[in-house]
Each structure stands twice: as structure tokens, then as C-alpha cells.
Amino acid sequence: MAHLVQASDRALLVVFDDAMTAESGRDVRVLTAWLRENPPDALVDLSPAYATLLIRYDPLRCDPGALADEIARRAASLAGRPEATPRFFTIPVRYGGACGPDLDEVARATGLSEDEVVAAHAGASYDVCFIGFSPGFPYLAGLPERLHTPRREAPRRRVPAGSVAIAGAQAGIYPIGSPGGWNIIGRTDFVLFDPRLPPGAILAPGDRVRFVAAGSGS
């Protein structure tokens, strides 16, 4: 059951769960799509995450209490609403070597060989839960449990664009060069962000991703 939190004088947070689950992810995506297709008059922006949806609105253009009631009604009425048909992306990755400098550490931490880490990572199917951190960065659910590893103790000041990384139960891809603390196991030439193609981010919540090994990263 979803509940609402007044995040500020112009923002509501819809909380579906305290943890990342397939059900909460679906509810976030369905409510986000519903509000975008049929937005309240005062809606300003939507920021979906794993199990929450932040709704920003203009308090001068609505009755905030009535808006909260409307959002609560919609959040409680998602069961019969279909989710949009997902798009599927296959992303080639050069694993290990200079492209994946943390592959050996992930292998040691998980008790697997480097080849087994690659096979497990490329053998899974991932859901794009939301886009954040940097333009086009996809937060991906579906990382096999045997690859769950903590973030690096010391984040890097610069992670190269295209770096394929994991941290905790998450997988992701750095779309641009930026600081980062995830474990880098490979790199891709797949473009994740292009400002010339609105909305800029190539992947979107609800999309599905598979990785395929495309040679050595050395």
C-alpha cells in the first residue's frame, strides 16, 4: 500500500515500499506514466526512483490537499492499469583489462573466476528502474545475487564514459566521464545520452537491457 509524504511545500513523495522490489518498481512506472499522460494542472515535474515517486507541483495553481487526495487515489488504483510495452536493448561490453579495472577485485570478493563474473553479468536481464546521478545514467535492477558487492571504499575522481559497473544489488553504466564509486568491470561504446535527441537520455524507465561480451578490455 502506497503512502504519501509531504516532501516540501511544493513536493509530494509517493512511497510504495522501503526496498527495491519488482512490484514497487512496476507501481512507480505505471503511476509515472499515468501522471504524464493525464497530468494534474499544477504538475511541474516527476522524479521516479526504485520504490518512490517525487511529484513537484505549483502550490499557487492548486489546492495542495485536493492534489494529494488525487495522487493517493491514483496510487491506490494501479492494479488494473497495464504497463507500457518495454523496449529491449543489447549492449556490447569489453570486460576486464583497462576497460574493467575492478573485474579482478569483484572476482576475488565473490569467489568466482573473472570468466564466471562476466558470464553471470552478461547472462542476466536487467530492468531500467530510473535515470539519475548524471544525464542518462541508468539504474538497473536484476544483478545476480552472487555478484552483489559493496561500493569501492575510495571513489575514483573520474570514471570514463561508457564504464559498466556494479555496486550492491545494482548495475549501471556511466554515460559521461564523472566521479564514481562503483566497481567497473567493463566498458561499452553504446551512447546513453545525446542532447540532440530529446529527451537526451536514450534509455528510459521500463526498458530492458542485456549485456553481451564483445572481446577483451585490454
C-alpha atoms as a PDB file:
ATOM      1  CA  MET A   1       0.000   0.000   0.000  1.00  0.00           C
ATOM      2  CA  ALA A   2       1.450   3.349  -1.047  1.00  0.00           C
ATOM      3  CA  HIS A   3       1.631   6.267   1.343  1.00  0.00           C
ATOM      4  CA  LEU A   4       2.316   9.953   0.730  1.00  0.00           C
ATOM      5  CA  VAL A   5       4.900  12.152   2.424  1.00  0.00           C
ATOM      6  CA  GLN A   6       4.853  15.936   2.167  1.00  0.00           C
ATOM      7  CA  ALA A   7       8.437  16.408   0.995  1.00  0.00           C
ATOM      8  CA  SER A   8       8.257  20.232   0.881  1.00  0.00           C
ATOM      9  CA  ASP A   9       5.730  22.999   0.385  1.00  0.00           C
ATOM     10  CA  ARG A  10       5.698  22.081  -3.311  1.00  0.00           C
ATOM     11  CA  ALA A  11       6.545  18.392  -3.474  1.00  0.00           C
ATOM     12  CA  LEU A  12       4.870  15.096  -2.595  1.00  0.00           C
ATOM     13  CA  LEU A  13       6.733  11.805  -2.233  1.00  0.00           C
ATOM     14  CA  VAL A  14       4.766   8.650  -3.036  1.00  0.00           C
ATOM     15  CA  VAL A  15       6.360   5.704  -1.197  1.00  0.00           C
ATOM     16  CA  PHE A  16       5.440   2.226  -2.422  1.00  0.00           C
ATOM     17  CA  ASP A  17       7.947   0.212  -0.425  1.00  0.00           C
ATOM     18  CA  ASP A  18      11.002   0.559   1.768  1.00  0.00           C
ATOM     19  CA  ALA A  19      13.042  -1.671  -0.518  1.00  0.00           C
ATOM     20  CA  MET A  20      13.654  -2.295  -4.205  1.00  0.00           C
ATOM     21  CA  THR A  21      11.143  -4.892  -5.429  1.00  0.00           C
ATOM     22  CA  ALA A  22       9.686  -5.801  -8.819  1.00  0.00           C
ATOM     23  CA  GLU A  23       6.225  -4.820  -7.609  1.00  0.00           C
ATOM     24  CA  SER A  24       7.220  -1.407  -6.302  1.00  0.00           C
ATOM     25  CA  GLY A  25       9.196  -0.711  -9.491  1.00  0.00           C
ATOM     26  CA  ARG A  26       6.179  -1.537 -11.615  1.00  0.00           C
ATOM     27  CA  ASP A  27       3.917   0.695  -9.499  1.00  0.00           C
ATOM     28  CA  VAL A  28       6.345   3.611  -9.823  1.00  0.00           C
ATOM     29  CA  ARG A  29       6.483   3.232 -13.612  1.00  0.00           C
ATOM     30  CA  VAL A  30       2.710   2.886 -14.037  1.00  0.00           C
ATOM     31  CA  LEU A  31       1.902   5.894 -11.834  1.00  0.00           C
ATOM     32  CA  THR A  32       4.585   7.976 -13.566  1.00  0.00           C
ATOM     33  CA  ALA A  33       3.149   7.140 -16.995  1.00  0.00           C
ATOM     34  CA  TRP A  34      -0.415   7.876 -15.831  1.00  0.00           C
ATOM     35  CA  LEU A  35       0.555  11.286 -14.460  1.00  0.00           C
ATOM     36  CA  ARG A  36       2.454  12.158 -17.624  1.00  0.00           C
ATOM     37  CA  GLU A  37      -0.412  11.098 -19.869  1.00  0.00           C
ATOM     38  CA  ASN A  38      -3.082  12.816 -17.774  1.00  0.00           C
ATOM     39  CA  PRO A  39      -1.291  15.394 -15.575  1.00  0.00           C
ATOM     40  CA  PRO A  40      -2.925  17.479 -12.855  1.00  0.00           C
ATOM     41  CA  ASP A  41      -2.962  21.169 -13.781  1.00  0.00           C
ATOM     42  CA  ALA A  42      -0.332  22.088 -11.197  1.00  0.00           C
ATOM     43  CA  LEU A  43       2.157  19.349 -12.060  1.00  0.00           C
ATOM     44  CA  VAL A  44       5.724  20.626 -12.566  1.00  0.00           C
ATOM     45  CA  ASP A  45       7.965  17.542 -12.660  1.00  0.00           C
ATOM     46  CA  LEU A  46       8.172  13.830 -11.838  1.00  0.00           C
ATOM     47  CA  SER A  47      11.262  12.080 -10.453  1.00  0.00           C
ATOM     48  CA  PRO A  48      10.845   8.288 -10.245  1.00  0.00           C
ATOM     49  CA  ALA A  49      13.212   6.074  -8.237  1.00  0.00           C
ATOM     50  CA  TYR A  50      13.277   2.383  -7.246  1.00  0.00           C
ATOM     51  CA  ALA A  51      10.255   2.448  -4.934  1.00  0.00           C
ATOM     52  CA  THR A  52       9.267   6.116  -4.738  1.00  0.00           C
ATOM     53  CA  LEU A  53       7.994   8.893  -6.977  1.00  0.00           C
ATOM     54  CA  LEU A  54       8.693  12.550  -6.190  1.00  0.00           C
ATOM     55  CA  ILE A  55       5.986  14.835  -7.555  1.00  0.00           C
ATOM     56  CA  ARG A  56       6.755  18.536  -7.775  1.00  0.00           C
ATOM     57  CA  TYR A  57       3.846  20.927  -8.208  1.00  0.00           C
ATOM     58  CA  ASP A  58       2.992  24.632  -8.169  1.00  0.00           C
ATOM     59  CA  PRO A  59       1.100  25.345  -4.898  1.00  0.00           C
ATOM     60  CA  LEU A  60      -0.255  28.605  -6.341  1.00  0.00           C
ATOM     61  CA  ARG A  61      -2.137  26.730  -9.049  1.00  0.00           C
ATOM     62  CA  CYS A  62      -3.905  24.111  -6.932  1.00  0.00           C
ATOM     63  CA  ASP A  63      -5.363  23.112  -3.601  1.00  0.00           C
ATOM     64  CA  PRO A  64      -2.450  21.032  -2.234  1.00  0.00           C
ATOM     65  CA  GLY A  65      -4.798  18.915  -0.127  1.00  0.00           C
ATOM     66  CA  ALA A  66      -7.014  18.113  -3.100  1.00  0.00           C
ATOM     67  CA  LEU A  67      -3.942  17.298  -5.202  1.00  0.00           C
ATOM     68  CA  ALA A  68      -2.654  14.922  -2.512  1.00  0.00           C
ATOM     69  CA  ASP A  69      -6.054  13.213  -2.430  1.00  0.00           C
ATOM     70  CA  GLU A  70      -5.996  12.789  -6.207  1.00  0.00           C
ATOM     71  CA  ILE A  71      -2.469  11.338  -6.156  1.00  0.00           C
ATOM     72  CA  ALA A  72      -3.434   8.971  -3.335  1.00  0.00           C
ATOM     73  CA  ARG A  73      -6.482   7.771  -5.284  1.00  0.00           C
ATOM     74  CA  ARG A  74      -4.388   7.102  -8.364  1.00  0.00           C
ATOM     75  CA  ALA A  75      -1.674   5.329  -6.359  1.00  0.00           C
ATOM     76  CA  ALA A  76      -4.332   3.026  -4.889  1.00  0.00           C
ATOM     77  CA  SER A  77      -5.811   2.238  -8.327  1.00  0.00           C
ATOM     78  CA  LEU A  78      -2.830   0.870 -10.232  1.00  0.00           C
ATOM     79  CA  ALA A  79      -3.608  -2.846 -10.162  1.00  0.00           C
ATOM     80  CA  GLY A  80      -5.704  -2.839 -13.328  1.00  0.00           C
ATOM     81  CA  ARG A  81      -3.569  -0.452 -15.336  1.00  0.00           C
ATOM     82  CA  PRO A  82      -1.231  -2.055 -17.886  1.00  0.00           C
ATOM     83  CA  GLU A  83       2.423  -1.172 -18.049  1.00  0.00           C
ATOM     84  CA  ALA A  84       3.806   0.164 -21.315  1.00  0.00           C
ATOM     85  CA  THR A  85       5.402  -2.399 -23.633  1.00  0.00           C
ATOM     86  CA  PRO A  86       9.131  -2.384 -22.797  1.00  0.00           C
ATOM     87  CA  ARG A  87      11.873  -1.643 -25.295  1.00  0.00           C
ATOM     88  CA  PHE A  88      14.784  -4.085 -25.421  1.00  0.00           C
ATOM     89  CA  PHE A  89      18.440  -3.104 -25.764  1.00  0.00           C
ATOM     90  CA  THR A  90      21.501  -5.312 -26.208  1.00  0.00           C
ATOM     91  CA  ILE A  91      24.662  -3.548 -25.086  1.00  0.00           C
ATOM     92  CA  PRO A  92      28.124  -4.868 -26.063  1.00  0.00           C
ATOM     93  CA  VAL A  93      30.772  -4.713 -23.330  1.00  0.00           C
ATOM     94  CA  ARG A  94      34.554  -5.116 -23.341  1.00  0.00           C
ATOM     95  CA  TYR A  95      35.149  -6.782 -19.984  1.00  0.00           C
ATOM     96  CA  GLY A  96      38.280  -6.588 -17.845  1.00  0.00           C
ATOM     97  CA  GLY A  97      41.696  -5.142 -18.545  1.00  0.00           C
ATOM     98  CA  ALA A  98      41.935  -1.368 -18.862  1.00  0.00           C
ATOM     99  CA  CYS A  99      38.201  -1.238 -19.589  1.00  0.00           C
ATOM    100  CA  GLY A 100      37.246  -3.142 -16.429  1.00  0.00           C
ATOM    101  CA  PRO A 101      39.886  -2.433 -13.782  1.00  0.00           C
ATOM    102  CA  ASP A 102      37.788  -3.820 -10.916  1.00  0.00           C
ATOM    103  CA  LEU A 103      36.876  -7.145 -12.522  1.00  0.00           C
ATOM    104  CA  ASP A 104      39.637  -8.972 -10.645  1.00  0.00           C
ATOM    105  CA  GLU A 105      38.553  -7.483  -7.310  1.00  0.00           C
ATOM    106  CA  VAL A 106      34.923  -8.443  -7.932  1.00  0.00           C
ATOM    107  CA  ALA A 107      36.072 -11.970  -8.766  1.00  0.00           C
ATOM    108  CA  ARG A 108      38.024 -12.239  -5.507  1.00  0.00           C
ATOM    109  CA  ALA A 109      35.177 -10.767  -3.448  1.00  0.00           C
ATOM    110  CA  THR A 110      32.605 -13.163  -4.887  1.00  0.00           C
ATOM    111  CA  GLY A 111      34.804 -16.259  -5.013  1.00  0.00           C
ATOM    112  CA  LEU A 112      34.273 -16.550  -8.767  1.00  0.00           C
ATOM    113  CA  SER A 113      36.717 -16.522 -11.628  1.00  0.00           C
ATOM    114  CA  GLU A 114      36.774 -13.470 -13.879  1.00  0.00           C
ATOM    115  CA  ASP A 115      35.145 -15.504 -16.652  1.00  0.00           C
ATOM    116  CA  GLU A 116      32.370 -16.565 -14.257  1.00  0.00           C
ATOM    117  CA  VAL A 117      31.745 -12.930 -13.266  1.00  0.00           C
ATOM    118  CA  VAL A 118      31.458 -11.972 -16.932  1.00  0.00           C
ATOM    119  CA  ALA A 119      29.152 -14.911 -17.671  1.00  0.00           C
ATOM    120  CA  ALA A 120      26.889 -14.067 -14.744  1.00  0.00           C
ATOM    121  CA  HIS A 121      26.744 -10.360 -15.571  1.00  0.00           C
ATOM    122  CA  ALA A 122      26.103 -10.920 -19.275  1.00  0.00           C
ATOM    123  CA  GLY A 123      23.691 -13.780 -18.601  1.00  0.00           C
ATOM    124  CA  ALA A 124      21.185 -11.674 -16.673  1.00  0.00           C
ATOM    125  CA  SER A 125      18.318  -9.489 -17.873  1.00  0.00           C
ATOM    126  CA  TYR A 126      18.037  -6.012 -16.357  1.00  0.00           C
ATOM    127  CA  ASP A 127      15.181  -3.558 -15.864  1.00  0.00           C
ATOM    128  CA  VAL A 128      15.854   0.174 -16.173  1.00  0.00           C
ATOM    129  CA  CYS A 129      14.319   1.473 -12.941  1.00  0.00           C
ATOM    130  CA  PHE A 130      15.139   5.140 -13.253  1.00  0.00           C
ATOM    131  CA  ILE A 131      17.623   7.617 -14.689  1.00  0.00           C
ATOM    132  CA  GLY A 132      19.714   9.727 -12.348  1.00  0.00           C
ATOM    133  CA  PHE A 133      23.068  10.755 -10.857  1.00  0.00           C
ATOM    134  CA  SER A 134      24.277  12.096 -14.213  1.00  0.00           C
ATOM    135  CA  PRO A 135      22.486  12.647 -17.553  1.00  0.00           C
ATOM    136  CA  GLY A 136      21.411   9.282 -18.931  1.00  0.00           C
ATOM    137  CA  PHE A 137      22.797   7.122 -16.076  1.00  0.00           C
ATOM    138  CA  PRO A 138      20.527   4.033 -15.856  1.00  0.00           C
ATOM    139  CA  TYR A 139      19.945   2.356 -12.508  1.00  0.00           C
ATOM    140  CA  LEU A 140      19.468  -1.301 -13.408  1.00  0.00           C
ATOM    141  CA  ALA A 141      17.767  -3.996 -11.333  1.00  0.00           C
ATOM    142  CA  GLY A 142      18.449  -7.650 -11.989  1.00  0.00           C
ATOM    143  CA  LEU A 143      22.089  -8.115 -10.982  1.00  0.00           C
ATOM    144  CA  PRO A 144      22.557 -11.772  -9.947  1.00  0.00           C
ATOM    145  CA  GLU A 145      22.873 -12.084  -6.179  1.00  0.00           C
ATOM    146  CA  ARG A 146      26.251 -13.784  -6.396  1.00  0.00           C
ATOM    147  CA  LEU A 147      27.633 -10.566  -7.941  1.00  0.00           C
ATOM    148  CA  HIS A 148      26.388  -8.279  -5.151  1.00  0.00           C
ATOM    149  CA  THR A 149      29.448  -6.398  -3.932  1.00  0.00           C
ATOM    150  CA  PRO A 150      29.907  -3.209  -1.891  1.00  0.00           C
ATOM    151  CA  ARG A 151      30.937   0.077  -3.442  1.00  0.00           C
ATOM    152  CA  ARG A 152      34.623   0.917  -3.546  1.00  0.00           C
ATOM    153  CA  GLU A 153      35.986   2.306  -0.277  1.00  0.00           C
ATOM    154  CA  ALA A 154      37.681   5.140  -2.180  1.00  0.00           C
ATOM    155  CA  PRO A 155      35.667   6.530  -5.119  1.00  0.00           C
ATOM    156  CA  ARG A 156      37.519   7.470  -8.276  1.00  0.00           C
ATOM    157  CA  ARG A 157      37.750  11.138  -9.196  1.00  0.00           C
ATOM    158  CA  ARG A 158      36.980  10.286 -12.804  1.00  0.00           C
ATOM    159  CA  VAL A 159      35.296   7.250 -14.304  1.00  0.00           C
ATOM    160  CA  PRO A 160      35.496   7.062 -18.127  1.00  0.00           C
ATOM    161  CA  ALA A 161      32.314   7.421 -20.170  1.00  0.00           C
ATOM    162  CA  GLY A 162      30.793   4.067 -21.056  1.00  0.00           C
ATOM    163  CA  SER A 163      32.068   2.313 -17.924  1.00  0.00           C
ATOM    164  CA  VAL A 164      29.868  -0.651 -16.976  1.00  0.00           C
ATOM    165  CA  ALA A 165      29.743  -1.012 -13.215  1.00  0.00           C
ATOM    166  CA  ILE A 166      28.077  -2.743 -10.282  1.00  0.00           C
ATOM    167  CA  ALA A 167      27.537  -1.845  -6.622  1.00  0.00           C
ATOM    168  CA  GLY A 168      25.419  -3.640  -4.044  1.00  0.00           C
ATOM    169  CA  ALA A 169      22.423  -5.111  -5.879  1.00  0.00           C
ATOM    170  CA  GLN A 170      22.656  -2.541  -8.658  1.00  0.00           C
ATOM    171  CA  ALA A 171      24.164  -2.379 -12.120  1.00  0.00           C
ATOM    172  CA  GLY A 172      24.701   0.767 -14.156  1.00  0.00           C
ATOM    173  CA  ILE A 173      26.590   2.491 -16.950  1.00  0.00           C
ATOM    174  CA  TYR A 174      28.383   5.825 -16.668  1.00  0.00           C
ATOM    175  CA  PRO A 175      27.213   7.907 -19.661  1.00  0.00           C
ATOM    176  CA  ILE A 176      29.824  10.637 -19.282  1.00  0.00           C
ATOM    177  CA  GLY A 177      33.173  10.968 -17.542  1.00  0.00           C
ATOM    178  CA  SER A 178      32.478  11.691 -13.866  1.00  0.00           C
ATOM    179  CA  PRO A 179      33.469  10.767 -10.324  1.00  0.00           C
ATOM    180  CA  GLY A 180      32.150   7.405  -9.176  1.00  0.00           C
ATOM    181  CA  GLY A 181      32.475   4.725  -6.522  1.00  0.00           C
ATOM    182  CA  TRP A 182      31.022   1.668  -8.254  1.00  0.00           C
ATOM    183  CA  ASN A 183      33.074  -1.350  -9.318  1.00  0.00           C
ATOM    184  CA  ILE A 184      33.992  -1.016 -13.004  1.00  0.00           C
ATOM    185  CA  ILE A 185      34.002  -4.370 -14.786  1.00  0.00           C
ATOM    186  CA  GLY A 186      33.864  -3.280 -18.434  1.00  0.00           C
ATOM    187  CA  ARG A 187      33.194  -0.542 -20.945  1.00  0.00           C
ATOM    188  CA  THR A 188      30.783  -0.007 -23.815  1.00  0.00           C
ATOM    189  CA  ASP A 189      30.596   2.329 -26.806  1.00  0.00           C
ATOM    190  CA  PHE A 190      26.802   2.417 -26.506  1.00  0.00           C
ATOM    191  CA  VAL A 191      25.681   6.078 -26.316  1.00  0.00           C
ATOM    192  CA  LEU A 192      23.453   6.703 -23.303  1.00  0.00           C
ATOM    193  CA  PHE A 193      22.962  10.455 -23.578  1.00  0.00           C
ATOM    194  CA  ASP A 194      22.631  12.678 -26.631  1.00  0.00           C
ATOM    195  CA  PRO A 195      21.292  16.230 -26.074  1.00  0.00           C
ATOM    196  CA  ARG A 196      20.433  16.412 -29.774  1.00  0.00           C
ATOM    197  CA  LEU A 197      17.809  13.681 -29.307  1.00  0.00           C
ATOM    198  CA  PRO A 198      15.174  14.865 -26.810  1.00  0.00           C
ATOM    199  CA  PRO A 199      14.777  13.931 -24.027  1.00  0.00           C
ATOM    200  CA  GLY A 200      18.532  13.285 -24.152  1.00  0.00           C
ATOM    201  CA  ALA A 201      18.640  10.018 -22.205  1.00  0.00           C
ATOM    202  CA  ILE A 202      18.494   7.065 -24.602  1.00  0.00           C
ATOM    203  CA  LEU A 203      17.243   4.557 -22.011  1.00  0.00           C
ATOM    204  CA  ALA A 204      14.053   5.135 -20.016  1.00  0.00           C
ATOM    205  CA  PRO A 205      12.349   3.512 -17.006  1.00  0.00           C
ATOM    206  CA  GLY A 206      10.693   0.288 -18.074  1.00  0.00           C
ATOM    207  CA  ASP A 207      13.262  -0.538 -20.760  1.00  0.00           C
ATOM    208  CA  ARG A 208      15.087  -3.855 -20.531  1.00  0.00           C
ATOM    209  CA  VAL A 209      18.784  -4.400 -21.062  1.00  0.00           C
ATOM    210  CA  ARG A 210      21.060  -7.342 -21.723  1.00  0.00           C
ATOM    211  CA  PHE A 211      24.839  -7.172 -21.930  1.00  0.00           C
ATOM    212  CA  VAL A 212      26.938  -9.191 -24.344  1.00  0.00           C
ATOM    213  CA  ALA A 213      30.687  -9.749 -24.128  1.00  0.00           C
ATOM    214  CA  ALA A 214      32.457  -8.032 -27.017  1.00  0.00           C
ATOM    215  CA  GLY A 215      36.066  -9.060 -26.556  1.00  0.00           C
ATOM    216  CA  SER A 216      38.748  -8.225 -24.025  1.00  0.00           C
ATOM    217  CA  GLY A 217      39.133  -4.811 -22.475  1.00  0.00           C
ATOM    218  CA  SER A 218      42.932  -4.974 -22.507  1.00  0.00           C
END
